[in-house]
Full PDB file with SEQRES, HELIX, SHEET, SSBOND, CRYST1, ORIGX, SCALE, CONECT and MASTER records, all heavy atoms in Angstrom:
SEQRES   1 A   37  LEU LYS LYS LEU SER ARG ALA ALA LEU GLU VAL LEU ALA          
SEQRES   2 A   37  ILE ILE ALA TYR HIS GLN PRO VAL THR ARG ALA GLU LEU          
SEQRES   3 A   37  GLU ASP ILE ARG GLY VAL GLU THR SER LYS GLY                  
HELIX    1 AA1 ARG A    6  HIS A   18  1                                  13    
HELIX    2 AA2 ARG A   23  ARG A   30  1                                   8    
CRYST1    1.000    1.000    1.000  90.00  90.00  90.00 P 1           1          
ORIGX1      1.000000  0.000000  0.000000        0.00000                         
ORIGX2      0.000000  1.000000  0.000000        0.00000                         
ORIGX3      0.000000  0.000000  1.000000        0.00000                         
SCALE1      1.000000  0.000000  0.000000        0.00000                         
SCALE2      0.000000  1.000000  0.000000        0.00000                         
SCALE3      0.000000  0.000000  1.000000        0.00000                         
ATOM      1  N   LEU A   1      13.026  39.639 -46.806  1.00  0.00           N  
ATOM      2  CA  LEU A   1      13.830  38.467 -46.492  1.00  0.00           C  
ATOM      3  C   LEU A   1      15.266  38.890 -46.198  1.00  0.00           C  
ATOM      4  O   LEU A   1      15.752  39.888 -46.716  1.00  0.00           O  
ATOM      5  CB  LEU A   1      13.820  37.497 -47.689  1.00  0.00           C  
ATOM      6  CG  LEU A   1      12.480  36.868 -48.036  1.00  0.00           C  
ATOM      7  CD1 LEU A   1      12.620  36.010 -49.279  1.00  0.00           C  
ATOM      8  CD2 LEU A   1      11.964  36.030 -46.887  1.00  0.00           C  
ATOM      9  N   LYS A   2      15.912  38.121 -45.352  1.00  0.00           N  
ATOM     10  CA  LYS A   2      17.309  38.383 -45.048  1.00  0.00           C  
ATOM     11  C   LYS A   2      18.132  38.189 -46.310  1.00  0.00           C  
ATOM     12  O   LYS A   2      17.937  37.235 -47.062  1.00  0.00           O  
ATOM     13  CB  LYS A   2      17.776  37.420 -43.953  1.00  0.00           C  
ATOM     14  CG  LYS A   2      19.214  37.651 -43.522  1.00  0.00           C  
ATOM     15  CD  LYS A   2      19.593  36.677 -42.423  1.00  0.00           C  
ATOM     16  CE  LYS A   2      21.045  36.869 -42.012  1.00  0.00           C  
ATOM     17  NZ  LYS A   2      21.440  35.907 -40.949  1.00  0.00           N  
ATOM     18  N   LYS A   3      19.055  39.113 -46.543  1.00  0.00           N  
ATOM     19  CA  LYS A   3      19.870  39.053 -47.739  1.00  0.00           C  
ATOM     20  C   LYS A   3      20.728  37.793 -47.717  1.00  0.00           C  
ATOM     21  O   LYS A   3      21.419  37.506 -46.734  1.00  0.00           O  
ATOM     22  CB  LYS A   3      20.755  40.291 -47.839  1.00  0.00           C  
ATOM     23  CG  LYS A   3      21.566  40.354 -49.127  1.00  0.00           C  
ATOM     24  CD  LYS A   3      22.358  41.639 -49.208  1.00  0.00           C  
ATOM     25  CE  LYS A   3      23.168  41.710 -50.499  1.00  0.00           C  
ATOM     26  NZ  LYS A   3      23.953  42.966 -50.586  1.00  0.00           N  
ATOM     27  N   LEU A   4      20.693  37.044 -48.807  1.00  0.00           N  
ATOM     28  CA  LEU A   4      21.474  35.815 -48.883  1.00  0.00           C  
ATOM     29  C   LEU A   4      22.936  36.135 -49.142  1.00  0.00           C  
ATOM     30  O   LEU A   4      23.273  37.080 -49.862  1.00  0.00           O  
ATOM     31  CB  LEU A   4      20.945  34.911 -49.991  1.00  0.00           C  
ATOM     32  CG  LEU A   4      19.550  34.312 -49.803  1.00  0.00           C  
ATOM     33  CD1 LEU A   4      19.172  33.471 -51.011  1.00  0.00           C  
ATOM     34  CD2 LEU A   4      19.483  33.465 -48.537  1.00  0.00           C  
ATOM     35  N   SER A   5      23.805  35.334 -48.571  1.00  0.00           N  
ATOM     36  CA  SER A   5      25.240  35.495 -48.803  1.00  0.00           C  
ATOM     37  C   SER A   5      25.576  35.072 -50.231  1.00  0.00           C  
ATOM     38  O   SER A   5      24.790  34.402 -50.909  1.00  0.00           O  
ATOM     39  CB  SER A   5      26.027  34.643 -47.809  1.00  0.00           C  
ATOM     40  OG  SER A   5      25.795  33.261 -48.059  1.00  0.00           O  
ATOM     41  N   ARG A   6      26.760  35.455 -50.672  1.00  0.00           N  
ATOM     42  CA  ARG A   6      27.200  35.067 -52.015  1.00  0.00           C  
ATOM     43  C   ARG A   6      27.279  33.555 -52.130  1.00  0.00           C  
ATOM     44  O   ARG A   6      26.908  32.976 -53.156  1.00  0.00           O  
ATOM     45  CB  ARG A   6      28.563  35.686 -52.315  1.00  0.00           C  
ATOM     46  CG  ARG A   6      29.108  35.310 -53.692  1.00  0.00           C  
ATOM     47  CD  ARG A   6      30.393  36.048 -54.007  1.00  0.00           C  
ATOM     48  NE  ARG A   6      30.917  35.653 -55.312  1.00  0.00           N  
ATOM     49  CZ  ARG A   6      31.995  36.180 -55.865  1.00  0.00           C  
ATOM     50  NH1 ARG A   6      32.674  37.138 -55.226  1.00  0.00           N  
ATOM     51  NH2 ARG A   6      32.424  35.763 -57.041  1.00  0.00           N  
ATOM     52  N   ALA A   7      27.742  32.904 -51.064  1.00  0.00           N  
ATOM     53  CA  ALA A   7      27.840  31.441 -51.077  1.00  0.00           C  
ATOM     54  C   ALA A   7      26.468  30.809 -51.246  1.00  0.00           C  
ATOM     55  O   ALA A   7      26.297  29.849 -52.009  1.00  0.00           O  
ATOM     56  CB  ALA A   7      28.495  30.957 -49.783  1.00  0.00           C  
ATOM     57  N   ALA A   8      25.460  31.350 -50.533  1.00  0.00           N  
ATOM     58  CA  ALA A   8      24.104  30.808 -50.623  1.00  0.00           C  
ATOM     59  C   ALA A   8      23.543  30.981 -52.029  1.00  0.00           C  
ATOM     60  O   ALA A   8      22.871  30.089 -52.560  1.00  0.00           O  
ATOM     61  CB  ALA A   8      23.198  31.479 -49.602  1.00  0.00           C  
ATOM     62  N   LEU A   9      23.808  32.139 -52.633  1.00  0.00           N  
ATOM     63  CA  LEU A   9      23.330  32.384 -53.999  1.00  0.00           C  
ATOM     64  C   LEU A   9      23.995  31.437 -54.986  1.00  0.00           C  
ATOM     65  O   LEU A   9      23.351  30.937 -55.915  1.00  0.00           O  
ATOM     66  CB  LEU A   9      23.604  33.841 -54.396  1.00  0.00           C  
ATOM     67  CG  LEU A   9      22.750  34.898 -53.673  1.00  0.00           C  
ATOM     68  CD1 LEU A   9      23.235  36.293 -54.034  1.00  0.00           C  
ATOM     69  CD2 LEU A   9      21.286  34.736 -54.019  1.00  0.00           C  
ATOM     70  N   GLU A  10      25.289  31.192 -54.790  1.00  0.00           N  
ATOM     71  CA  GLU A  10      26.003  30.259 -55.671  1.00  0.00           C  
ATOM     72  C   GLU A  10      25.416  28.857 -55.553  1.00  0.00           C  
ATOM     73  O   GLU A  10      25.170  28.181 -56.563  1.00  0.00           O  
ATOM     74  CB  GLU A  10      27.488  30.240 -55.316  1.00  0.00           C  
ATOM     75  CG  GLU A  10      28.247  31.502 -55.711  1.00  0.00           C  
ATOM     76  CD  GLU A  10      29.698  31.442 -55.272  1.00  0.00           C  
ATOM     77  OE1 GLU A  10      30.090  30.434 -54.621  1.00  0.00           O  
ATOM     78  OE2 GLU A  10      30.454  32.392 -55.575  1.00  0.00           O  
ATOM     79  N   VAL A  11      25.191  28.430 -54.312  1.00  0.00           N  
ATOM     80  CA  VAL A  11      24.639  27.091 -54.079  1.00  0.00           C  
ATOM     81  C   VAL A  11      23.237  26.982 -54.667  1.00  0.00           C  
ATOM     82  O   VAL A  11      22.886  25.977 -55.299  1.00  0.00           O  
ATOM     83  CB  VAL A  11      24.621  26.775 -52.565  1.00  0.00           C  
ATOM     84  CG1 VAL A  11      23.835  25.496 -52.295  1.00  0.00           C  
ATOM     85  CG2 VAL A  11      26.041  26.640 -52.035  1.00  0.00           C  
ATOM     86  N   LEU A  12      22.419  28.023 -54.480  1.00  0.00           N  
ATOM     87  CA  LEU A  12      21.061  28.023 -55.021  1.00  0.00           C  
ATOM     88  C   LEU A  12      21.086  27.909 -56.543  1.00  0.00           C  
ATOM     89  O   LEU A  12      20.309  27.150 -57.136  1.00  0.00           O  
ATOM     90  CB  LEU A  12      20.333  29.298 -54.599  1.00  0.00           C  
ATOM     91  CG  LEU A  12      18.899  29.464 -55.126  1.00  0.00           C  
ATOM     92  CD1 LEU A  12      17.997  28.346 -54.617  1.00  0.00           C  
ATOM     93  CD2 LEU A  12      18.333  30.824 -54.713  1.00  0.00           C  
ATOM     94  N   ALA A  13      21.978  28.658 -57.180  1.00  0.00           N  
ATOM     95  CA  ALA A  13      22.072  28.625 -58.640  1.00  0.00           C  
ATOM     96  C   ALA A  13      22.500  27.243 -59.124  1.00  0.00           C  
ATOM     97  O   ALA A  13      21.958  26.716 -60.110  1.00  0.00           O  
ATOM     98  CB  ALA A  13      23.067  29.688 -59.126  1.00  0.00           C  
ATOM     99  N   ILE A  14      23.459  26.629 -58.432  1.00  0.00           N  
ATOM    100  CA  ILE A  14      23.932  25.305 -58.835  1.00  0.00           C  
ATOM    101  C   ILE A  14      22.826  24.278 -58.691  1.00  0.00           C  
ATOM    102  O   ILE A  14      22.612  23.437 -59.571  1.00  0.00           O  
ATOM    103  CB  ILE A  14      25.171  24.901 -58.001  1.00  0.00           C  
ATOM    104  CG1 ILE A  14      26.358  25.795 -58.373  1.00  0.00           C  
ATOM    105  CG2 ILE A  14      25.523  23.434 -58.242  1.00  0.00           C  
ATOM    106  CD1 ILE A  14      27.557  25.625 -57.468  1.00  0.00           C  
ATOM    107  N   ILE A  15      22.099  24.339 -57.569  1.00  0.00           N  
ATOM    108  CA  ILE A  15      20.993  23.393 -57.367  1.00  0.00           C  
ATOM    109  C   ILE A  15      19.928  23.584 -58.440  1.00  0.00           C  
ATOM    110  O   ILE A  15      19.390  22.619 -58.993  1.00  0.00           O  
ATOM    111  CB  ILE A  15      20.382  23.566 -55.960  1.00  0.00           C  
ATOM    112  CG1 ILE A  15      21.380  23.120 -54.894  1.00  0.00           C  
ATOM    113  CG2 ILE A  15      19.077  22.769 -55.835  1.00  0.00           C  
ATOM    114  CD1 ILE A  15      20.917  23.347 -53.472  1.00  0.00           C  
ATOM    115  N   ALA A  16      19.614  24.850 -58.753  1.00  0.00           N  
ATOM    116  CA  ALA A  16      18.565  25.136 -59.734  1.00  0.00           C  
ATOM    117  C   ALA A  16      18.910  24.565 -61.099  1.00  0.00           C  
ATOM    118  O   ALA A  16      18.060  23.953 -61.766  1.00  0.00           O  
ATOM    119  CB  ALA A  16      18.350  26.651 -59.834  1.00  0.00           C  
ATOM    120  N   TYR A  17      20.146  24.740 -61.536  1.00  0.00           N  
ATOM    121  CA  TYR A  17      20.531  24.315 -62.886  1.00  0.00           C  
ATOM    122  C   TYR A  17      20.965  22.852 -62.965  1.00  0.00           C  
ATOM    123  O   TYR A  17      20.868  22.238 -64.026  1.00  0.00           O  
ATOM    124  CB  TYR A  17      21.662  25.196 -63.408  1.00  0.00           C  
ATOM    125  CG  TYR A  17      21.202  26.542 -63.928  1.00  0.00           C  
ATOM    126  CD1 TYR A  17      21.262  27.681 -63.133  1.00  0.00           C  
ATOM    127  CD2 TYR A  17      20.689  26.675 -65.217  1.00  0.00           C  
ATOM    128  CE1 TYR A  17      20.835  28.916 -63.595  1.00  0.00           C  
ATOM    129  CE2 TYR A  17      20.263  27.897 -65.701  1.00  0.00           C  
ATOM    130  CZ  TYR A  17      20.337  29.022 -64.877  1.00  0.00           C  
ATOM    131  OH  TYR A  17      19.903  30.236 -65.355  1.00  0.00           O  
ATOM    132  N   HIS A  18      21.471  22.297 -61.856  1.00  0.00           N  
ATOM    133  CA  HIS A  18      22.024  20.940 -61.906  1.00  0.00           C  
ATOM    134  C   HIS A  18      21.149  19.903 -61.205  1.00  0.00           C  
ATOM    135  O   HIS A  18      21.530  18.742 -61.134  1.00  0.00           O  
ATOM    136  CB  HIS A  18      23.418  20.921 -61.270  1.00  0.00           C  
ATOM    137  CG  HIS A  18      24.447  21.667 -62.047  1.00  0.00           C  
ATOM    138  ND1 HIS A  18      25.319  21.066 -62.939  1.00  0.00           N  
ATOM    139  CD2 HIS A  18      24.749  22.989 -62.076  1.00  0.00           C  
ATOM    140  CE1 HIS A  18      26.115  21.970 -63.469  1.00  0.00           C  
ATOM    141  NE2 HIS A  18      25.796  23.150 -62.964  1.00  0.00           N  
ATOM    142  N   GLN A  19      19.998  20.301 -60.670  1.00  0.00           N  
ATOM    143  CA  GLN A  19      19.170  19.351 -59.921  1.00  0.00           C  
ATOM    144  C   GLN A  19      18.756  18.164 -60.784  1.00  0.00           C  
ATOM    145  O   GLN A  19      18.519  18.329 -61.995  1.00  0.00           O  
ATOM    146  CB  GLN A  19      17.941  20.070 -59.358  1.00  0.00           C  
ATOM    147  CG  GLN A  19      17.026  20.704 -60.402  1.00  0.00           C  
ATOM    148  CD  GLN A  19      15.907  21.487 -59.754  1.00  0.00           C  
ATOM    149  OE1 GLN A  19      15.161  20.975 -58.937  1.00  0.00           O  
ATOM    150  NE2 GLN A  19      15.796  22.770 -60.110  1.00  0.00           N  
ATOM    151  N   PRO A  20      18.680  16.978 -60.144  1.00  0.00           N  
ATOM    152  CA  PRO A  20      19.011  16.684 -58.753  1.00  0.00           C  
ATOM    153  C   PRO A  20      20.527  16.624 -58.547  1.00  0.00           C  
ATOM    154  O   PRO A  20      21.247  16.080 -59.387  1.00  0.00           O  
ATOM    155  CB  PRO A  20      18.378  15.309 -58.537  1.00  0.00           C  
ATOM    156  CG  PRO A  20      18.392  14.689 -59.898  1.00  0.00           C  
ATOM    157  CD  PRO A  20      18.175  15.804 -60.864  1.00  0.00           C  
ATOM    158  N   VAL A  21      21.006  17.190 -57.429  1.00  0.00           N  
ATOM    159  CA  VAL A  21      22.437  17.289 -57.193  1.00  0.00           C  
ATOM    160  C   VAL A  21      22.732  16.972 -55.732  1.00  0.00           C  
ATOM    161  O   VAL A  21      21.938  17.290 -54.852  1.00  0.00           O  
ATOM    162  CB  VAL A  21      22.950  18.709 -57.561  1.00  0.00           C  
ATOM    163  CG1 VAL A  21      22.288  19.768 -56.707  1.00  0.00           C  
ATOM    164  CG2 VAL A  21      24.455  18.806 -57.474  1.00  0.00           C  
ATOM    165  N   THR A  22      23.868  16.312 -55.479  1.00  0.00           N  
ATOM    166  CA  THR A  22      24.270  15.982 -54.116  1.00  0.00           C  
ATOM    167  C   THR A  22      25.207  17.057 -53.578  1.00  0.00           C  
ATOM    168  O   THR A  22      25.718  17.890 -54.330  1.00  0.00           O  
ATOM    169  CB  THR A  22      24.986  14.624 -54.057  1.00  0.00           C  
ATOM    170  OG1 THR A  22      26.234  14.729 -54.764  1.00  0.00           O  
ATOM    171  CG2 THR A  22      24.136  13.526 -54.692  1.00  0.00           C  
ATOM    172  N   ARG A  23      25.461  17.006 -52.281  1.00  0.00           N  
ATOM    173  CA  ARG A  23      26.363  17.985 -51.671  1.00  0.00           C  
ATOM    174  C   ARG A  23      27.776  17.857 -52.237  1.00  0.00           C  
ATOM    175  O   ARG A  23      28.441  18.865 -52.497  1.00  0.00           O  
ATOM    176  CB  ARG A  23      26.380  17.794 -50.155  1.00  0.00           C  
ATOM    177  CG  ARG A  23      27.239  18.815 -49.413  1.00  0.00           C  
ATOM    178  CD  ARG A  23      27.023  18.686 -47.919  1.00  0.00           C  
ATOM    179  NE  ARG A  23      27.924  19.536 -47.165  1.00  0.00           N  
ATOM    180  CZ  ARG A  23      27.919  19.651 -45.844  1.00  0.00           C  
ATOM    181  NH1 ARG A  23      27.023  18.967 -45.145  1.00  0.00           N  
ATOM    182  NH2 ARG A  23      28.775  20.434 -45.229  1.00  0.00           N  
ATOM    183  N   ALA A  24      28.222  16.620 -52.471  1.00  0.00           N  
ATOM    184  CA  ALA A  24      29.554  16.398 -53.040  1.00  0.00           C  
ATOM    185  C   ALA A  24      29.645  16.987 -54.445  1.00  0.00           C  
ATOM    186  O   ALA A  24      30.665  17.576 -54.823  1.00  0.00           O  
ATOM    187  CB  ALA A  24      29.868  14.910 -53.060  1.00  0.00           C  
ATOM    188  N   GLU A  25      28.574  16.823 -55.221  1.00  0.00           N  
ATOM    189  CA  GLU A  25      28.556  17.384 -56.578  1.00  0.00           C  
ATOM    190  C   GLU A  25      28.553  18.908 -56.534  1.00  0.00           C  
ATOM    191  O   GLU A  25      29.182  19.564 -57.376  1.00  0.00           O  
ATOM    192  CB  GLU A  25      27.331  16.853 -57.327  1.00  0.00           C  
ATOM    193  CG  GLU A  25      27.423  15.366 -57.628  1.00  0.00           C  
ATOM    194  CD  GLU A  25      26.089  14.755 -58.046  1.00  0.00           C  
ATOM    195  OE1 GLU A  25      25.034  15.417 -57.856  1.00  0.00           O  
ATOM    196  OE2 GLU A  25      26.104  13.615 -58.554  1.00  0.00           O  
ATOM    197  N   LEU A  26      27.839  19.480 -55.543  1.00  0.00           N  
ATOM    198  CA  LEU A  26      27.835  20.927 -55.348  1.00  0.00           C  
ATOM    199  C   LEU A  26      29.256  21.438 -55.120  1.00  0.00           C  
ATOM    200  O   LEU A  26      29.702  22.411 -55.736  1.00  0.00           O  
ATOM    201  CB  LEU A  26      26.990  21.293 -54.120  1.00  0.00           C  
ATOM    202  CG  LEU A  26      25.483  21.482 -54.289  1.00  0.00           C  
ATOM    203  CD1 LEU A  26      24.832  21.588 -52.918  1.00  0.00           C  
ATOM    204  CD2 LEU A  26      25.201  22.725 -55.092  1.00  0.00           C  
ATOM    205  N   GLU A  27      29.953  20.758 -54.212  1.00  0.00           N  
ATOM    206  CA  GLU A  27      31.304  21.186 -53.864  1.00  0.00           C  
ATOM    207  C   GLU A  27      32.261  21.006 -55.030  1.00  0.00           C  
ATOM    208  O   GLU A  27      33.185  21.809 -55.216  1.00  0.00           O  
ATOM    209  CB  GLU A  27      31.770  20.412 -52.633  1.00  0.00           C  
ATOM    210  CG  GLU A  27      30.948  20.747 -51.387  1.00  0.00           C  
ATOM    211  CD  GLU A  27      31.309  19.895 -50.178  1.00  0.00           C  
ATOM    212  OE1 GLU A  27      31.985  18.859 -50.379  1.00  0.00           O  
ATOM    213  OE2 GLU A  27      30.917  20.260 -49.061  1.00  0.00           O  
ATOM    214  N   ASP A  28      32.037  19.978 -55.826  1.00  0.00           N  
ATOM    215  CA  ASP A  28      32.894  19.750 -56.991  1.00  0.00           C  
ATOM    216  C   ASP A  28      32.709  20.870 -58.014  1.00  0.00           C  
ATOM    217  O   ASP A  28      33.674  21.341 -58.626  1.00  0.00           O  
ATOM    218  CB  ASP A  28      32.549  18.394 -57.628  1.00  0.00           C  
ATOM    219  CG  ASP A  28      33.474  18.066 -58.791  1.00  0.00           C  
ATOM    220  OD1 ASP A  28      34.694  18.071 -58.595  1.00  0.00           O  
ATOM    221  OD2 ASP A  28      32.946  17.815 -59.895  1.00  0.00           O  
ATOM    222  N   ILE A  29      31.479  21.327 -58.198  1.00  0.00           N  
ATOM    223  CA  ILE A  29      31.195  22.403 -59.151  1.00  0.00           C  
ATOM    224  C   ILE A  29      31.730  23.737 -58.637  1.00  0.00           C  
ATOM    225  O   ILE A  29      32.336  24.515 -59.387  1.00  0.00           O  
ATOM    226  CB  ILE A  29      29.673  22.507 -59.411  1.00  0.00           C  
ATOM    227  CG1 ILE A  29      29.168  21.239 -60.115  1.00  0.00           C  
ATOM    228  CG2 ILE A  29      29.343  23.739 -60.254  1.00  0.00           C  
ATOM    229  CD1 ILE A  29      27.660  21.129 -60.202  1.00  0.00           C  
ATOM    230  N   ARG A  30      31.521  24.024 -57.349  1.00  0.00           N  
ATOM    231  CA  ARG A  30      31.975  25.293 -56.767  1.00  0.00           C  
ATOM    232  C   ARG A  30      33.482  25.316 -56.558  1.00  0.00           C  
ATOM    233  O   ARG A  30      34.105  26.378 -56.570  1.00  0.00           O  
ATOM    234  CB  ARG A  30      31.296  25.543 -55.415  1.00  0.00           C  
ATOM    235  CG  ARG A  30      29.820  25.860 -55.482  1.00  0.00           C  
ATOM    236  CD  ARG A  30      29.322  26.286 -54.103  1.00  0.00           C  
ATOM    237  NE  ARG A  30      29.899  27.564 -53.710  1.00  0.00           N  
ATOM    238  CZ  ARG A  30      30.179  27.892 -52.449  1.00  0.00           C  
ATOM    239  NH1 ARG A  30      29.987  27.031 -51.467  1.00  0.00           N  
ATOM    240  NH2 ARG A  30      30.676  29.083 -52.172  1.00  0.00           N  
ATOM    241  N   GLY A  31      34.056  24.143 -56.310  1.00  0.00           N  
ATOM    242  CA  GLY A  31      35.494  24.085 -56.057  1.00  0.00           C  
ATOM    243  C   GLY A  31      35.855  24.370 -54.619  1.00  0.00           C  
ATOM    244  O   GLY A  31      37.038  24.464 -54.273  1.00  0.00           O  
ATOM    245  N   VAL A  32      34.868  24.536 -53.755  1.00  0.00           N  
ATOM    246  CA  VAL A  32      35.095  24.772 -52.330  1.00  0.00           C  
ATOM    247  C   VAL A  32      34.085  23.972 -51.527  1.00  0.00           C  
ATOM    248  O   VAL A  32      33.049  23.544 -52.045  1.00  0.00           O  
ATOM    249  CB  VAL A  32      34.981  26.273 -51.964  1.00  0.00           C  
ATOM    250  CG1 VAL A  32      36.064  27.085 -52.636  1.00  0.00           C  
ATOM    251  CG2 VAL A  32      33.598  26.810 -52.331  1.00  0.00           C  
ATOM    252  N   GLU A  33      34.380  23.804 -50.244  1.00  0.00           N  
ATOM    253  CA  GLU A  33      33.465  23.073 -49.367  1.00  0.00           C  
ATOM    254  C   GLU A  33      32.215  23.908 -49.094  1.00  0.00           C  
ATOM    255  O   GLU A  33      32.290  25.130 -48.955  1.00  0.00           O  
ATOM    256  CB  GLU A  33      34.171  22.748 -48.048  1.00  0.00           C  
ATOM    257  CG  GLU A  33      33.328  21.911 -47.109  1.00  0.00           C  
ATOM    258  CD  GLU A  33      34.079  21.557 -45.835  1.00  0.00           C  
ATOM    259  OE1 GLU A  33      35.302  21.802 -45.790  1.00  0.00           O  
ATOM    260  OE2 GLU A  33      33.440  21.056 -44.894  1.00  0.00           O  
ATOM    261  N   THR A  34      31.072  23.258 -49.063  1.00  0.00           N  
ATOM    262  CA  THR A  34      29.808  23.933 -48.785  1.00  0.00           C  
ATOM    263  C   THR A  34      29.378  23.624 -47.360  1.00  0.00           C  
ATOM    264  O   THR A  34      29.216  22.458 -46.996  1.00  0.00           O  
ATOM    265  CB  THR A  34      28.708  23.471 -49.766  1.00  0.00           C  
ATOM    266  OG1 THR A  34      29.109  23.787 -51.099  1.00  0.00           O  
ATOM    267  CG2 THR A  34      27.393  24.163 -49.464  1.00  0.00           C  
ATOM    268  N   SER A  35      29.193  24.662 -46.565  1.00  0.00           N  
ATOM    269  CA  SER A  35      28.830  24.452 -45.162  1.00  0.00           C  
ATOM    270  C   SER A  35      27.373  24.026 -45.038  1.00  0.00           C  
ATOM    271  O   SER A  35      26.533  24.381 -45.869  1.00  0.00           O  
ATOM    272  CB  SER A  35      29.066  25.729 -44.358  1.00  0.00           C  
ATOM    273  OG  SER A  35      28.117  26.715 -44.705  1.00  0.00           O  
ATOM    274  N   LYS A  36      27.088  23.292 -43.988  1.00  0.00           N  
ATOM    275  CA  LYS A  36      25.716  22.867 -43.729  1.00  0.00           C  
ATOM    276  C   LYS A  36      24.828  24.079 -43.461  1.00  0.00           C  
ATOM    277  O   LYS A  36      23.647  24.093 -43.806  1.00  0.00           O  
ATOM    278  CB  LYS A  36      25.678  21.917 -42.534  1.00  0.00           C  
ATOM    279  CG  LYS A  36      24.290  21.364 -42.233  1.00  0.00           C  
ATOM    280  CD  LYS A  36      24.330  20.381 -41.079  1.00  0.00           C  
ATOM    281  CE  LYS A  36      22.949  19.791 -40.804  1.00  0.00           C  
ATOM    282  NZ  LYS A  36      21.962  20.826 -40.431  1.00  0.00           N  
ATOM    283  N   GLY A  37      25.433  25.130 -42.864  1.00  0.00           N  
ATOM    284  CA  GLY A  37      24.662  26.334 -42.571  1.00  0.00           C  
ATOM    285  C   GLY A  37      24.107  26.984 -43.821  1.00  0.00           C  
ATOM    286  O   GLY A  37      22.985  27.507 -43.818  1.00  0.00           O  
TER     287      GLY A  37                                                      
MASTER        0    0    0    2    0    0    0    6  286    1    0    3          
END                                                                             
């Protein structure tokens, strides 16, 4: 598999532990905007 970026790993971890979670909640936890990509 293509190596995931650090941002993707962070988002994956947040979704895994905080699910169900919205994009706004993701960004609030990370403290930065999460791209659609």
